[in-house]
């Protein structure tokens, strides 16, 4: 017997996440690119690796999930 989550894992698709920098001081987001991954944390890692992104003071990297339509 398989559980529903086991069968879903076979059909997981990569999603295109919008990658943004969030400035904690100004409380504003700046769009910096896209990354394709299965989760927001994976998308951030893909973006960091592919773009050699370096952390800046007061800035966080944010992966915005795709909108379901």
N, C-alpha and C. Protein backbone atom coordinates (compact mmCIF):
# COMPACT_ATOMS: atom_id res chain seq x y z
N UNK A 1 0.84 -1.18 0.00
CA UNK A 1 0.00 0.00 0.00
C UNK A 1 0.89 1.24 0.00
N UNK A 2 0.55 2.19 -0.86
CA UNK A 2 1.30 3.44 -0.88
C UNK A 2 0.47 4.54 -0.24
N UNK A 3 1.14 5.45 0.37
CA UNK A 3 0.47 6.60 0.96
C UNK A 3 0.34 7.69 -0.10
N UNK A 4 -0.64 8.56 0.06
CA UNK A 4 -0.88 9.59 -0.94
C UNK A 4 0.33 10.48 -1.17
N UNK A 5 1.12 10.76 -0.11
CA UNK A 5 2.27 11.64 -0.30
C UNK A 5 3.39 10.94 -1.06
N UNK A 6 3.46 9.61 -0.96
CA UNK A 6 4.48 8.88 -1.71
C UNK A 6 4.21 8.96 -3.20
N UNK A 7 2.97 8.82 -3.59
CA UNK A 7 2.65 8.89 -5.01
C UNK A 7 2.79 10.31 -5.54
N UNK A 8 2.55 11.31 -4.69
CA UNK A 8 2.68 12.70 -5.12
C UNK A 8 4.14 13.06 -5.38
N UNK A 9 5.06 12.45 -4.65
CA UNK A 9 6.48 12.77 -4.83
C UNK A 9 6.94 12.48 -6.25
N UNK A 10 6.39 11.46 -6.88
CA UNK A 10 6.77 11.12 -8.24
C UNK A 10 6.39 12.22 -9.22
N UNK A 11 5.35 12.97 -8.87
CA UNK A 11 4.80 13.95 -9.80
C UNK A 11 5.11 15.39 -9.41
N UNK A 12 6.07 15.60 -8.53
CA UNK A 12 6.43 16.96 -8.14
C UNK A 12 7.11 17.64 -9.32
N UNK A 13 6.75 18.88 -9.54
CA UNK A 13 7.30 19.63 -10.64
C UNK A 13 8.11 20.80 -10.10
N UNK A 14 9.14 21.16 -10.82
CA UNK A 14 9.90 22.36 -10.46
C UNK A 14 9.04 23.57 -10.77
N UNK A 15 9.11 24.56 -9.92
CA UNK A 15 8.38 25.80 -10.09
C UNK A 15 9.36 26.95 -10.28
N UNK A 16 8.92 27.96 -11.01
CA UNK A 16 9.75 29.16 -11.20
C UNK A 16 9.40 30.15 -10.08
N UNK A 17 10.34 30.37 -9.21
CA UNK A 17 10.17 31.31 -8.09
C UNK A 17 10.77 32.66 -8.47
N UNK A 18 10.08 33.73 -8.08
CA UNK A 18 10.66 35.06 -8.23
C UNK A 18 11.60 35.26 -7.04
N UNK A 19 12.82 35.68 -7.32
CA UNK A 19 13.79 35.90 -6.25
C UNK A 19 13.90 37.39 -6.01
N UNK A 20 13.79 37.76 -4.74
CA UNK A 20 13.83 39.16 -4.36
C UNK A 20 14.76 39.36 -3.18
N UNK A 21 15.34 40.55 -3.12
CA UNK A 21 16.10 40.95 -1.94
C UNK A 21 15.17 41.80 -1.09
N UNK A 22 15.16 41.51 0.20
CA UNK A 22 14.36 42.31 1.13
C UNK A 22 15.30 43.14 2.00
N UNK A 23 15.14 44.45 1.96
CA UNK A 23 15.96 45.34 2.76
C UNK A 23 15.25 45.59 4.09
N UNK A 24 15.83 45.09 5.17
CA UNK A 24 15.20 45.22 6.49
C UNK A 24 15.14 46.67 6.97
N UNK A 25 16.04 47.49 6.49
CA UNK A 25 16.08 48.89 6.91
C UNK A 25 14.97 49.71 6.24
N UNK A 26 14.82 49.54 4.91
CA UNK A 26 13.80 50.29 4.18
C UNK A 26 12.47 49.53 4.13
N UNK A 27 12.50 48.23 4.47
CA UNK A 27 11.33 47.35 4.43
C UNK A 27 10.75 47.27 3.01
N UNK A 28 11.65 47.20 2.01
CA UNK A 28 11.23 47.11 0.61
C UNK A 28 11.89 45.91 -0.06
N UNK A 29 11.15 45.37 -1.05
CA UNK A 29 11.64 44.26 -1.85
C UNK A 29 12.18 44.78 -3.18
N UNK A 30 13.24 44.14 -3.68
CA UNK A 30 13.78 44.44 -4.99
C UNK A 30 13.88 43.13 -5.77
N UNK A 31 13.22 43.06 -6.92
CA UNK A 31 13.28 41.87 -7.76
C UNK A 31 14.70 41.73 -8.32
N UNK A 32 15.26 40.49 -8.22
CA UNK A 32 16.61 40.27 -8.74
C UNK A 32 16.69 39.14 -9.76
N UNK A 33 15.65 38.30 -9.86
CA UNK A 33 15.70 37.24 -10.86
C UNK A 33 14.73 36.11 -10.57
N UNK A 34 14.95 34.99 -11.26
CA UNK A 34 14.12 33.79 -11.11
C UNK A 34 15.01 32.60 -10.79
N UNK A 35 14.41 31.58 -10.17
CA UNK A 35 15.09 30.31 -9.95
C UNK A 35 14.04 29.21 -10.02
N UNK A 36 14.39 28.10 -10.63
CA UNK A 36 13.49 26.97 -10.77
C UNK A 36 13.87 25.91 -9.73
N UNK A 37 12.87 25.52 -8.91
CA UNK A 37 13.12 24.56 -7.83
C UNK A 37 11.80 24.00 -7.32
N UNK A 38 11.89 23.06 -6.37
CA UNK A 38 10.71 22.44 -5.78
C UNK A 38 10.23 23.13 -4.52
N UNK A 39 11.06 24.00 -3.94
CA UNK A 39 10.68 24.68 -2.70
C UNK A 39 11.34 26.06 -2.66
N UNK A 40 10.81 26.97 -1.84
CA UNK A 40 11.43 28.29 -1.72
C UNK A 40 12.88 28.23 -1.25
N UNK A 41 13.17 27.37 -0.27
CA UNK A 41 14.55 27.30 0.22
C UNK A 41 15.50 26.77 -0.85
N UNK A 42 15.03 25.81 -1.63
CA UNK A 42 15.85 25.28 -2.73
C UNK A 42 16.02 26.35 -3.81
N UNK A 43 14.98 27.12 -4.07
CA UNK A 43 15.06 28.19 -5.08
C UNK A 43 16.11 29.22 -4.68
N UNK A 44 16.16 29.57 -3.40
CA UNK A 44 17.17 30.53 -2.94
C UNK A 44 18.57 29.96 -3.14
N UNK A 45 18.76 28.69 -2.82
CA UNK A 45 20.08 28.07 -2.98
C UNK A 45 20.49 28.01 -4.45
N UNK A 46 19.53 27.70 -5.32
CA UNK A 46 19.81 27.67 -6.76
C UNK A 46 20.22 29.06 -7.23
N UNK A 47 19.48 30.08 -6.82
CA UNK A 47 19.79 31.45 -7.22
C UNK A 47 21.18 31.87 -6.73
N UNK A 48 21.46 31.58 -5.47
CA UNK A 48 22.76 31.93 -4.89
C UNK A 48 23.89 31.29 -5.68
N UNK A 49 23.74 30.01 -5.99
CA UNK A 49 24.79 29.28 -6.70
C UNK A 49 24.95 29.77 -8.14
N UNK A 50 23.84 29.94 -8.85
CA UNK A 50 23.90 30.32 -10.26
C UNK A 50 24.33 31.77 -10.48
N UNK A 51 24.10 32.63 -9.48
CA UNK A 51 24.40 34.05 -9.66
C UNK A 51 25.50 34.56 -8.73
N UNK A 52 26.12 33.65 -7.98
CA UNK A 52 27.17 34.02 -7.05
C UNK A 52 26.73 35.17 -6.13
N UNK A 53 25.48 35.06 -5.66
CA UNK A 53 24.90 36.10 -4.81
C UNK A 53 25.58 36.12 -3.45
N UNK A 54 25.88 37.29 -2.97
CA UNK A 54 26.50 37.47 -1.65
C UNK A 54 25.57 38.27 -0.76
N UNK A 55 25.47 37.86 0.48
CA UNK A 55 24.62 38.57 1.45
C UNK A 55 25.17 39.97 1.69
N UNK A 56 24.23 40.90 1.89
CA UNK A 56 24.60 42.28 2.20
C UNK A 56 24.00 42.63 3.56
N UNK A 57 24.53 43.65 4.17
CA UNK A 57 24.03 44.09 5.47
C UNK A 57 22.55 44.49 5.34
N UNK A 58 21.74 44.04 6.28
CA UNK A 58 20.30 44.36 6.34
C UNK A 58 19.50 43.84 5.16
N UNK A 59 20.03 42.85 4.41
CA UNK A 59 19.33 42.34 3.24
C UNK A 59 19.16 40.83 3.33
N UNK A 60 17.94 40.38 3.07
CA UNK A 60 17.61 38.96 3.05
C UNK A 60 17.19 38.55 1.65
N UNK A 61 17.43 37.30 1.29
CA UNK A 61 16.97 36.78 0.02
C UNK A 61 15.62 36.12 0.24
N UNK A 62 14.68 36.41 -0.65
CA UNK A 62 13.31 35.91 -0.52
C UNK A 62 12.89 35.25 -1.82
N UNK A 63 12.27 34.07 -1.75
CA UNK A 63 11.76 33.37 -2.93
C UNK A 63 10.24 33.41 -2.89
N UNK A 64 9.65 34.13 -3.84
CA UNK A 64 8.19 34.26 -3.91
C UNK A 64 7.63 33.11 -4.73
N UNK A 65 6.73 32.31 -4.14
CA UNK A 65 6.19 31.16 -4.86
C UNK A 65 5.33 31.59 -6.06
N UNK A 66 5.22 30.71 -7.04
CA UNK A 66 4.38 31.03 -8.19
C UNK A 66 2.91 31.11 -7.78
N UNK A 67 2.17 31.91 -8.51
CA UNK A 67 0.74 32.05 -8.23
C UNK A 67 0.00 30.93 -8.94
N UNK A 68 -0.86 30.25 -8.21
CA UNK A 68 -1.69 29.19 -8.81
C UNK A 68 -2.90 29.85 -9.47
N UNK A 69 -3.18 29.45 -10.67
CA UNK A 69 -4.33 30.03 -11.37
C UNK A 69 -5.35 28.99 -11.65
